[in-house]
All heavy atoms as atom14 arrays in JSON, in Angstrom:
{
  "sequence": "DMVLNMQRVKQQARDYGHSELREYAFLIVHSMLHLLGYDHIEEQDAA",
  "atom14_mask": [
    [1, 1, 1, 1, 1, 1, 1, 1, 0, 0, 0, 0, 0, 0],
    [1, 1, 1, 1, 1, 1, 1, 1, 0, 0, 0, 0, 0, 0],
    [1, 1, 1, 1, 1, 1, 1, 0, 0, 0, 0, 0, 0, 0],
    [1, 1, 1, 1, 1, 1, 1, 1, 0, 0, 0, 0, 0, 0],
    [1, 1, 1, 1, 1, 1, 1, 1, 0, 0, 0, 0, 0, 0],
    [1, 1, 1, 1, 1, 1, 1, 1, 0, 0, 0, 0, 0, 0],
    [1, 1, 1, 1, 1, 1, 1, 1, 1, 0, 0, 0, 0, 0],
    [1, 1, 1, 1, 1, 1, 1, 1, 1, 1, 1, 0, 0, 0],
    [1, 1, 1, 1, 1, 1, 1, 0, 0, 0, 0, 0, 0, 0],
    [1, 1, 1, 1, 1, 1, 1, 1, 1, 0, 0, 0, 0, 0],
    [1, 1, 1, 1, 1, 1, 1, 1, 1, 0, 0, 0, 0, 0],
    [1, 1, 1, 1, 1, 1, 1, 1, 1, 0, 0, 0, 0, 0],
    [1, 1, 1, 1, 1, 0, 0, 0, 0, 0, 0, 0, 0, 0],
    [1, 1, 1, 1, 1, 1, 1, 1, 1, 1, 1, 0, 0, 0],
    [1, 1, 1, 1, 1, 1, 1, 1, 0, 0, 0, 0, 0, 0],
    [1, 1, 1, 1, 1, 1, 1, 1, 1, 1, 1, 1, 0, 0],
    [1, 1, 1, 1, 0, 0, 0, 0, 0, 0, 0, 0, 0, 0],
    [1, 1, 1, 1, 1, 1, 1, 1, 1, 1, 0, 0, 0, 0],
    [1, 1, 1, 1, 1, 1, 0, 0, 0, 0, 0, 0, 0, 0],
    [1, 1, 1, 1, 1, 1, 1, 1, 1, 0, 0, 0, 0, 0],
    [1, 1, 1, 1, 1, 1, 1, 1, 0, 0, 0, 0, 0, 0],
    [1, 1, 1, 1, 1, 1, 1, 1, 1, 1, 1, 0, 0, 0],
    [1, 1, 1, 1, 1, 1, 1, 1, 1, 0, 0, 0, 0, 0],
    [1, 1, 1, 1, 1, 1, 1, 1, 1, 1, 1, 1, 0, 0],
    [1, 1, 1, 1, 1, 0, 0, 0, 0, 0, 0, 0, 0, 0],
    [1, 1, 1, 1, 1, 1, 1, 1, 1, 1, 1, 0, 0, 0],
    [1, 1, 1, 1, 1, 1, 1, 1, 0, 0, 0, 0, 0, 0],
    [1, 1, 1, 1, 1, 1, 1, 1, 0, 0, 0, 0, 0, 0],
    [1, 1, 1, 1, 1, 1, 1, 0, 0, 0, 0, 0, 0, 0],
    [1, 1, 1, 1, 1, 1, 1, 1, 1, 1, 0, 0, 0, 0],
    [1, 1, 1, 1, 1, 1, 0, 0, 0, 0, 0, 0, 0, 0],
    [1, 1, 1, 1, 1, 1, 1, 1, 0, 0, 0, 0, 0, 0],
    [1, 1, 1, 1, 1, 1, 1, 1, 0, 0, 0, 0, 0, 0],
    [1, 1, 1, 1, 1, 1, 1, 1, 1, 1, 0, 0, 0, 0],
    [1, 1, 1, 1, 1, 1, 1, 1, 0, 0, 0, 0, 0, 0],
    [1, 1, 1, 1, 1, 1, 1, 1, 0, 0, 0, 0, 0, 0],
    [1, 1, 1, 1, 0, 0, 0, 0, 0, 0, 0, 0, 0, 0],
    [1, 1, 1, 1, 1, 1, 1, 1, 1, 1, 1, 1, 0, 0],
    [1, 1, 1, 1, 1, 1, 1, 1, 0, 0, 0, 0, 0, 0],
    [1, 1, 1, 1, 1, 1, 1, 1, 1, 1, 0, 0, 0, 0],
    [1, 1, 1, 1, 1, 1, 1, 1, 0, 0, 0, 0, 0, 0],
    [1, 1, 1, 1, 1, 1, 1, 1, 1, 0, 0, 0, 0, 0],
    [1, 1, 1, 1, 1, 1, 1, 1, 1, 0, 0, 0, 0, 0],
    [1, 1, 1, 1, 1, 1, 1, 1, 1, 0, 0, 0, 0, 0],
    [1, 1, 1, 1, 1, 1, 1, 1, 0, 0, 0, 0, 0, 0],
    [1, 1, 1, 1, 1, 0, 0, 0, 0, 0, 0, 0, 0, 0],
    [1, 1, 1, 1, 1, 0, 0, 0, 0, 0, 0, 0, 0, 0]
  ],
  "atom14_positions": [
    [[0.83, -1.2, 0.0], [0.0, 0.0, 0.0], [0.86, 1.25, 0.0], [1.91, 1.3, 0.65], [-0.87, 0.05, 1.26], [-1.79, -1.16, 1.38], [-2.17, -1.73, 0.34], [-2.14, -1.52, 2.52], [0.0, 0.0, 0.0], [0.0, 0.0, 0.0], [0.0, 0.0, 0.0], [0.0, 0.0, 0.0], [0.0, 0.0, 0.0], [0.0, 0.0, 0.0]],
    [[0.37, 2.26, -0.71], [0.97, 3.59, -0.71], [-0.12, 4.56, -0.23], [-1.25, 4.5, -0.71], [1.41, 4.01, -2.11], [2.49, 3.12, -2.71], [3.06, 3.73, -4.31], [1.75, 3.18, -5.39], [0.0, 0.0, 0.0], [0.0, 0.0, 0.0], [0.0, 0.0, 0.0], [0.0, 0.0, 0.0], [0.0, 0.0, 0.0], [0.0, 0.0, 0.0]],
    [[0.25, 5.44, 0.69], [-0.66, 6.48, 1.17], [-0.02, 7.81, 0.81], [1.07, 8.13, 1.29], [-0.91, 6.37, 2.69], [-1.92, 7.41, 3.14], [-1.37, 4.96, 3.06], [0.0, 0.0, 0.0], [0.0, 0.0, 0.0], [0.0, 0.0, 0.0], [0.0, 0.0, 0.0], [0.0, 0.0, 0.0], [0.0, 0.0, 0.0], [0.0, 0.0, 0.0]],
    [[-0.67, 8.57, -0.05], [-0.1, 9.79, -0.62], [-0.89, 11.0, -0.16], [-2.1, 11.06, -0.32], [-0.11, 9.67, -2.14], [0.55, 10.76, -2.95], [2.04, 10.83, -2.65], [0.35, 10.49, -4.43], [0.0, 0.0, 0.0], [0.0, 0.0, 0.0], [0.0, 0.0, 0.0], [0.0, 0.0, 0.0], [0.0, 0.0, 0.0], [0.0, 0.0, 0.0]],
    [[-0.19, 11.97, 0.41], [-0.79, 13.19, 0.94], [-0.86, 14.24, -0.17], [0.15, 14.85, -0.53], [0.04, 13.69, 2.12], [-0.54, 14.91, 2.78], [-1.38, 15.61, 2.24], [-0.06, 15.18, 3.98], [0.0, 0.0, 0.0], [0.0, 0.0, 0.0], [0.0, 0.0, 0.0], [0.0, 0.0, 0.0], [0.0, 0.0, 0.0], [0.0, 0.0, 0.0]],
    [[-2.06, 14.47, -0.7], [-2.22, 15.41, -1.81], [-2.0, 16.86, -1.38], [-1.6, 17.68, -2.21], [-3.6, 15.23, -2.46], [-3.8, 13.86, -3.11], [-2.53, 13.45, -4.35], [-2.98, 14.57, -5.66], [0.0, 0.0, 0.0], [0.0, 0.0, 0.0], [0.0, 0.0, 0.0], [0.0, 0.0, 0.0], [0.0, 0.0, 0.0], [0.0, 0.0, 0.0]],
    [[-2.21, 17.2, -0.11], [-1.87, 18.54, 0.36], [-0.37, 18.77, 0.23], [0.06, 19.85, -0.15], [-2.31, 18.74, 1.81], [-3.77, 19.0, 1.99], [-4.11, 19.21, 3.45], [-4.39, 18.24, 4.14], [-4.08, 20.44, 3.9], [0.0, 0.0, 0.0], [0.0, 0.0, 0.0], [0.0, 0.0, 0.0], [0.0, 0.0, 0.0], [0.0, 0.0, 0.0]],
    [[0.41, 17.77, 0.57], [1.87, 17.9, 0.49], [2.34, 17.93, -0.97], [3.35, 18.55, -1.27], [2.56, 16.77, 1.25], [2.33, 16.81, 2.74], [3.07, 17.98, 3.4], [2.74, 18.1, 4.8], [3.5, 17.68, 5.79], [4.66, 17.1, 5.54], [3.1, 17.83, 7.04], [0.0, 0.0, 0.0], [0.0, 0.0, 0.0], [0.0, 0.0, 0.0]],
    [[1.63, 17.25, -1.86], [1.98, 17.33, -3.28], [1.97, 18.79, -3.71], [2.93, 19.29, -4.31], [1.02, 16.49, -4.15], [1.17, 16.83, -5.63], [1.25, 15.0, -3.92], [0.0, 0.0, 0.0], [0.0, 0.0, 0.0], [0.0, 0.0, 0.0], [0.0, 0.0, 0.0], [0.0, 0.0, 0.0], [0.0, 0.0, 0.0], [0.0, 0.0, 0.0]],
    [[0.9, 19.49, -3.38], [0.77, 20.9, -3.76], [1.81, 21.77, -3.06], [2.49, 22.58, -3.69], [-0.64, 21.4, -3.46], [-1.7, 20.79, -4.35], [-3.08, 21.28, -3.95], [-4.09, 20.9, -5.0], [-3.88, 21.53, -6.29], [0.0, 0.0, 0.0], [0.0, 0.0, 0.0], [0.0, 0.0, 0.0], [0.0, 0.0, 0.0], [0.0, 0.0, 0.0]],
    [[1.94, 21.6, -1.75], [2.86, 22.42, -0.96], [4.32, 22.2, -1.39], [5.07, 23.15, -1.59], [2.71, 22.08, 0.52], [3.7, 22.8, 1.41], [3.65, 22.26, 2.85], [2.66, 21.67, 3.27], [4.74, 22.45, 3.57], [0.0, 0.0, 0.0], [0.0, 0.0, 0.0], [0.0, 0.0, 0.0], [0.0, 0.0, 0.0], [0.0, 0.0, 0.0]],
    [[4.72, 20.94, -1.53], [6.11, 20.65, -1.88], [6.43, 21.06, -3.32], [7.55, 21.47, -3.6], [6.44, 19.18, -1.61], [6.47, 18.9, -0.12], [6.67, 17.45, 0.28], [6.67, 17.16, 1.46], [6.83, 16.54, -0.66], [0.0, 0.0, 0.0], [0.0, 0.0, 0.0], [0.0, 0.0, 0.0], [0.0, 0.0, 0.0], [0.0, 0.0, 0.0]],
    [[5.46, 20.99, -4.21], [5.69, 21.47, -5.57], [6.02, 22.96, -5.53], [6.98, 23.41, -6.18], [4.46, 21.21, -6.45], [0.0, 0.0, 0.0], [0.0, 0.0, 0.0], [0.0, 0.0, 0.0], [0.0, 0.0, 0.0], [0.0, 0.0, 0.0], [0.0, 0.0, 0.0], [0.0, 0.0, 0.0], [0.0, 0.0, 0.0], [0.0, 0.0, 0.0]],
    [[5.26, 23.72, -4.75], [5.55, 25.16, -4.6], [6.91, 25.36, -3.94], [7.74, 26.15, -4.4], [4.47, 25.84, -3.76], [3.19, 26.14, -4.49], [2.26, 27.03, -3.67], [1.99, 26.53, -2.33], [1.0, 25.69, -2.01], [0.18, 25.26, -2.96], [0.84, 25.29, -0.77], [0.0, 0.0, 0.0], [0.0, 0.0, 0.0], [0.0, 0.0, 0.0]],
    [[7.16, 24.65, -2.84], [8.4, 24.82, -2.09], [9.64, 24.49, -2.92], [10.67, 25.15, -2.79], [8.39, 23.93, -0.83], [7.38, 24.36, 0.21], [6.8, 25.47, 0.08], [7.16, 23.58, 1.16], [0.0, 0.0, 0.0], [0.0, 0.0, 0.0], [0.0, 0.0, 0.0], [0.0, 0.0, 0.0], [0.0, 0.0, 0.0], [0.0, 0.0, 0.0]],
    [[9.54, 23.45, -3.75], [10.69, 23.01, -4.53], [10.75, 23.63, -5.92], [11.69, 23.39, -6.67], [10.72, 21.49, -4.64], [10.82, 20.78, -3.3], [10.05, 19.66, -3.03], [11.68, 21.24, -2.3], [10.14, 19.01, -1.81], [11.77, 20.59, -1.08], [11.0, 19.48, -0.84], [11.09, 18.84, 0.37], [0.0, 0.0, 0.0], [0.0, 0.0, 0.0]],
    [[9.75, 24.41, -6.27], [9.77, 25.13, -7.55], [9.55, 24.25, -8.77], [10.11, 24.52, -9.83], [0.0, 0.0, 0.0], [0.0, 0.0, 0.0], [0.0, 0.0, 0.0], [0.0, 0.0, 0.0], [0.0, 0.0, 0.0], [0.0, 0.0, 0.0], [0.0, 0.0, 0.0], [0.0, 0.0, 0.0], [0.0, 0.0, 0.0], [0.0, 0.0, 0.0]],
    [[8.76, 23.21, -8.63], [8.41, 22.41, -9.8], [6.9, 22.13, -9.79], [6.19, 22.59, -8.9], [9.24, 21.12, -9.89], [9.2, 20.25, -8.67], [10.31, 20.0, -7.91], [8.19, 19.57, -8.08], [9.99, 19.19, -6.91], [8.72, 18.93, -6.99], [0.0, 0.0, 0.0], [0.0, 0.0, 0.0], [0.0, 0.0, 0.0], [0.0, 0.0, 0.0]],
    [[6.44, 21.42, -10.77], [5.01, 21.22, -10.95], [4.44, 20.21, -9.96], [5.16, 19.36, -9.41], [4.71, 20.77, -12.38], [5.19, 19.44, -12.56], [0.0, 0.0, 0.0], [0.0, 0.0, 0.0], [0.0, 0.0, 0.0], [0.0, 0.0, 0.0], [0.0, 0.0, 0.0], [0.0, 0.0, 0.0], [0.0, 0.0, 0.0], [0.0, 0.0, 0.0]],
    [[3.13, 20.26, -9.8], [2.43, 19.27, -9.0], [2.57, 17.89, -9.64], [2.68, 16.89, -8.92], [0.96, 19.65, -8.84], [0.77, 20.89, -7.99], [-0.67, 21.38, -7.94], [-1.58, 20.69, -8.44], [-0.88, 22.49, -7.4], [0.0, 0.0, 0.0], [0.0, 0.0, 0.0], [0.0, 0.0, 0.0], [0.0, 0.0, 0.0], [0.0, 0.0, 0.0]],
    [[2.57, 17.83, -10.96], [2.77, 16.56, -11.66], [4.1, 15.94, -11.26], [4.19, 14.75, -10.95], [2.73, 16.77, -13.17], [3.17, 15.58, -14.02], [2.23, 14.41, -13.85], [3.27, 15.99, -15.48], [0.0, 0.0, 0.0], [0.0, 0.0, 0.0], [0.0, 0.0, 0.0], [0.0, 0.0, 0.0], [0.0, 0.0, 0.0], [0.0, 0.0, 0.0]],
    [[5.16, 16.74, -11.25], [6.48, 16.22, -10.91], [6.51, 15.73, -9.46], [7.03, 14.65, -9.17], [7.54, 17.31, -11.13], [8.96, 16.77, -11.23], [9.59, 16.54, -9.91], [10.94, 16.02, -10.05], [11.61, 15.58, -9.01], [11.08, 15.56, -7.82], [12.83, 15.13, -9.16], [0.0, 0.0, 0.0], [0.0, 0.0, 0.0], [0.0, 0.0, 0.0]],
    [[5.92, 16.46, -8.54], [5.93, 16.05, -7.13], [5.11, 14.78, -6.94], [5.52, 13.86, -6.23], [5.41, 17.18, -6.24], [5.56, 16.9, -4.78], [6.99, 16.78, -4.29], [7.93, 17.26, -4.97], [7.18, 16.18, -3.21], [0.0, 0.0, 0.0], [0.0, 0.0, 0.0], [0.0, 0.0, 0.0], [0.0, 0.0, 0.0], [0.0, 0.0, 0.0]],
    [[3.95, 14.71, -7.56], [3.09, 13.53, -7.48], [3.83, 12.3, -8.01], [3.87, 11.26, -7.35], [1.82, 13.82, -8.29], [0.79, 12.72, -8.36], [-0.06, 12.48, -7.29], [0.63, 11.98, -9.52], [-1.05, 11.5, -7.37], [-0.34, 11.0, -9.61], [-1.18, 10.76, -8.53], [-2.14, 9.79, -8.62], [0.0, 0.0, 0.0], [0.0, 0.0, 0.0]],
    [[4.42, 12.43, -9.19], [5.17, 11.31, -9.79], [6.35, 10.92, -8.91], [6.61, 9.72, -8.7], [5.63, 11.68, -11.19], [0.0, 0.0, 0.0], [0.0, 0.0, 0.0], [0.0, 0.0, 0.0], [0.0, 0.0, 0.0], [0.0, 0.0, 0.0], [0.0, 0.0, 0.0], [0.0, 0.0, 0.0], [0.0, 0.0, 0.0], [0.0, 0.0, 0.0]],
    [[7.08, 11.92, -8.38], [8.22, 11.63, -7.52], [7.8, 10.82, -6.3], [8.43, 9.83, -5.93], [8.91, 12.92, -7.07], [9.92, 12.69, -5.98], [11.19, 12.22, -6.3], [9.6, 12.89, -4.65], [12.12, 11.97, -5.3], [10.52, 12.64, -3.65], [11.79, 12.18, -3.97], [0.0, 0.0, 0.0], [0.0, 0.0, 0.0], [0.0, 0.0, 0.0]],
    [[6.71, 11.22, -5.64], [6.28, 10.52, -4.43], [5.81, 9.1, -4.74], [6.04, 8.18, -3.95], [5.2, 11.32, -3.71], [5.68, 12.64, -3.09], [4.5, 13.42, -2.51], [6.75, 12.41, -2.04], [0.0, 0.0, 0.0], [0.0, 0.0, 0.0], [0.0, 0.0, 0.0], [0.0, 0.0, 0.0], [0.0, 0.0, 0.0], [0.0, 0.0, 0.0]],
    [[5.2, 8.9, -5.9], [4.81, 7.55, -6.29], [6.05, 6.7, -6.56], [6.13, 5.55, -6.1], [3.84, 7.57, -7.49], [2.49, 8.15, -7.06], [3.67, 6.16, -8.07], [1.52, 8.37, -8.18], [0.0, 0.0, 0.0], [0.0, 0.0, 0.0], [0.0, 0.0, 0.0], [0.0, 0.0, 0.0], [0.0, 0.0, 0.0], [0.0, 0.0, 0.0]],
    [[7.01, 7.23, -7.28], [8.25, 6.49, -7.53], [8.93, 6.15, -6.2], [9.35, 5.01, -5.98], [9.22, 7.27, -8.45], [10.59, 6.61, -8.5], [8.65, 7.41, -9.85], [0.0, 0.0, 0.0], [0.0, 0.0, 0.0], [0.0, 0.0, 0.0], [0.0, 0.0, 0.0], [0.0, 0.0, 0.0], [0.0, 0.0, 0.0], [0.0, 0.0, 0.0]],
    [[9.03, 7.14, -5.33], [9.67, 6.93, -4.03], [8.98, 5.79, -3.27], [9.63, 4.87, -2.76], [9.59, 8.24, -3.22], [10.26, 8.17, -1.9], [11.6, 8.42, -1.75], [9.78, 7.86, -0.66], [11.93, 8.28, -0.46], [10.83, 7.95, 0.21], [0.0, 0.0, 0.0], [0.0, 0.0, 0.0], [0.0, 0.0, 0.0], [0.0, 0.0, 0.0]],
    [[7.66, 5.84, -3.23], [6.9, 4.81, -2.53], [7.03, 3.46, -3.21], [7.19, 2.43, -2.54], [5.42, 5.23, -2.45], [4.71, 4.37, -1.6], [0.0, 0.0, 0.0], [0.0, 0.0, 0.0], [0.0, 0.0, 0.0], [0.0, 0.0, 0.0], [0.0, 0.0, 0.0], [0.0, 0.0, 0.0], [0.0, 0.0, 0.0], [0.0, 0.0, 0.0]],
    [[6.99, 3.43, -4.53], [7.15, 2.17, -5.27], [8.5, 1.52, -4.95], [8.58, 0.3, -4.76], [7.04, 2.4, -6.78], [5.64, 2.54, -7.29], [4.65, 1.06, -7.03], [5.56, -0.15, -7.99], [0.0, 0.0, 0.0], [0.0, 0.0, 0.0], [0.0, 0.0, 0.0], [0.0, 0.0, 0.0], [0.0, 0.0, 0.0], [0.0, 0.0, 0.0]],
    [[9.54, 2.33, -4.87], [10.85, 1.77, -4.56], [10.86, 1.16, -3.16], [11.49, 0.12, -2.94], [11.95, 2.82, -4.74], [12.22, 3.21, -6.2], [13.2, 4.36, -6.27], [12.69, 2.01, -7.03], [0.0, 0.0, 0.0], [0.0, 0.0, 0.0], [0.0, 0.0, 0.0], [0.0, 0.0, 0.0], [0.0, 0.0, 0.0], [0.0, 0.0, 0.0]],
    [[10.16, 1.79, -2.22], [10.02, 1.17, -0.9], [9.31, -0.18, -1.02], [9.7, -1.16, -0.37], [9.25, 2.06, 0.07], [10.05, 3.15, 0.68], [11.23, 2.94, 1.36], [9.85, 4.49, 0.72], [11.71, 4.08, 1.81], [10.89, 5.05, 1.43], [0.0, 0.0, 0.0], [0.0, 0.0, 0.0], [0.0, 0.0, 0.0], [0.0, 0.0, 0.0]],
    [[8.26, -0.25, -1.84], [7.54, -1.51, -2.02], [8.41, -2.58, -2.67], [8.11, -3.77, -2.58], [6.26, -1.31, -2.84], [5.19, -0.39, -2.27], [3.95, -0.41, -3.15], [4.85, -0.71, -0.83], [0.0, 0.0, 0.0], [0.0, 0.0, 0.0], [0.0, 0.0, 0.0], [0.0, 0.0, 0.0], [0.0, 0.0, 0.0], [0.0, 0.0, 0.0]],
    [[9.49, -2.15, -3.34], [10.41, -3.08, -4.0], [11.68, -3.32, -3.19], [12.65, -3.86, -3.7], [10.75, -2.55, -5.4], [9.54, -2.44, -6.34], [9.94, -1.75, -7.64], [8.94, -3.82, -6.63], [0.0, 0.0, 0.0], [0.0, 0.0, 0.0], [0.0, 0.0, 0.0], [0.0, 0.0, 0.0], [0.0, 0.0, 0.0], [0.0, 0.0, 0.0]],
    [[11.65, -2.9, -1.92], [12.74, -3.22, -1.02], [13.79, -2.16, -0.78], [14.73, -2.38, -0.01], [0.0, 0.0, 0.0], [0.0, 0.0, 0.0], [0.0, 0.0, 0.0], [0.0, 0.0, 0.0], [0.0, 0.0, 0.0], [0.0, 0.0, 0.0], [0.0, 0.0, 0.0], [0.0, 0.0, 0.0], [0.0, 0.0, 0.0], [0.0, 0.0, 0.0]],
    [[13.66, -1.01, -1.41], [14.64, 0.07, -1.22], [14.33, 0.83, 0.06], [13.19, 0.89, 0.5], [14.61, 1.05, -2.39], [15.17, 0.47, -3.67], [14.35, -0.27, -4.52], [16.49, 0.66, -4.03], [14.85, -0.81, -5.7], [17.0, 0.12, -5.21], [16.17, -0.61, -6.04], [16.66, -1.15, -7.2], [0.0, 0.0, 0.0], [0.0, 0.0, 0.0]],
    [[15.38, 1.43, 0.63], [15.2, 2.26, 1.8], [16.25, 3.36, 1.79], [17.16, 3.33, 0.95], [15.3, 1.45, 3.09], [14.42, 2.02, 4.19], [14.15, 3.24, 4.17], [14.01, 1.26, 5.08], [0.0, 0.0, 0.0], [0.0, 0.0, 0.0], [0.0, 0.0, 0.0], [0.0, 0.0, 0.0], [0.0, 0.0, 0.0], [0.0, 0.0, 0.0]],
    [[16.15, 4.3, 2.71], [17.09, 5.43, 2.72], [17.57, 5.74, 4.13], [17.93, 6.87, 4.43], [16.46, 6.67, 2.07], [15.07, 6.96, 2.49], [14.75, 7.57, 3.68], [13.89, 6.69, 1.88], [13.44, 7.69, 3.78], [12.88, 7.16, 2.7], [0.0, 0.0, 0.0], [0.0, 0.0, 0.0], [0.0, 0.0, 0.0], [0.0, 0.0, 0.0]],
    [[17.6, 4.72, 4.98], [18.08, 4.92, 6.35], [19.6, 5.09, 6.37], [20.12, 6.03, 6.95], [17.63, 3.77, 7.27], [16.1, 3.78, 7.37], [18.28, 3.89, 8.65], [15.51, 2.58, 8.07], [0.0, 0.0, 0.0], [0.0, 0.0, 0.0], [0.0, 0.0, 0.0], [0.0, 0.0, 0.0], [0.0, 0.0, 0.0], [0.0, 0.0, 0.0]],
    [[20.3, 4.18, 5.72], [21.76, 4.26, 5.63], [22.14, 5.13, 4.43], [21.46, 5.12, 3.4], [22.37, 2.86, 5.46], [22.04, 1.91, 6.6], [22.64, 2.33, 7.92], [23.74, 2.92, 7.92], [22.0, 2.07, 8.96], [0.0, 0.0, 0.0], [0.0, 0.0, 0.0], [0.0, 0.0, 0.0], [0.0, 0.0, 0.0], [0.0, 0.0, 0.0]],
    [[23.25, 5.85, 4.54], [23.66, 6.79, 3.5], [23.83, 6.12, 2.13], [23.39, 6.65, 1.12], [24.97, 7.47, 3.93], [25.37, 8.62, 3.02], [26.58, 9.36, 3.56], [26.68, 9.57, 4.79], [27.43, 9.73, 2.72], [0.0, 0.0, 0.0], [0.0, 0.0, 0.0], [0.0, 0.0, 0.0], [0.0, 0.0, 0.0], [0.0, 0.0, 0.0]],
    [[24.46, 4.95, 2.11], [24.68, 4.29, 0.81], [23.37, 3.79, 0.21], [23.18, 3.82, -1.0], [25.73, 3.19, 0.92], [25.24, 1.78, 0.96], [26.38, 0.8, 1.17], [27.26, 1.0, 1.99], [26.35, -0.28, 0.42], [0.0, 0.0, 0.0], [0.0, 0.0, 0.0], [0.0, 0.0, 0.0], [0.0, 0.0, 0.0], [0.0, 0.0, 0.0]],
    [[22.42, 3.36, 1.06], [21.1, 2.94, 0.56], [20.33, 4.15, 0.03], [19.63, 4.04, -0.99], [20.3, 2.27, 1.68], [20.92, 0.95, 2.12], [21.67, 0.33, 1.34], [20.66, 0.56, 3.28], [0.0, 0.0, 0.0], [0.0, 0.0, 0.0], [0.0, 0.0, 0.0], [0.0, 0.0, 0.0], [0.0, 0.0, 0.0], [0.0, 0.0, 0.0]],
    [[20.45, 5.28, 0.73], [19.78, 6.5, 0.28], [20.31, 6.93, -1.08], [19.53, 7.31, -1.97], [19.98, 7.62, 1.3], [0.0, 0.0, 0.0], [0.0, 0.0, 0.0], [0.0, 0.0, 0.0], [0.0, 0.0, 0.0], [0.0, 0.0, 0.0], [0.0, 0.0, 0.0], [0.0, 0.0, 0.0], [0.0, 0.0, 0.0], [0.0, 0.0, 0.0]],
    [[21.62, 6.84, -1.27], [22.22, 7.22, -2.56], [21.71, 6.31, -3.68], [21.39, 6.8, -4.78], [23.75, 7.17, -2.46], [0.0, 0.0, 0.0], [0.0, 0.0, 0.0], [0.0, 0.0, 0.0], [0.0, 0.0, 0.0], [0.0, 0.0, 0.0], [0.0, 0.0, 0.0], [0.0, 0.0, 0.0], [0.0, 0.0, 0.0], [0.0, 0.0, 0.0]]
  ]
}
């Protein structure tokens, strides 16, 4: 399961200076990678 906060999509798109589409897609990719076993706790895993 992925739980995506649409308020943050809008806010982070503004904060980071890119589109809502880009933020939405980024968060889905990020979450999908977690579903496929990736994590970002350790520096090398985050990279």
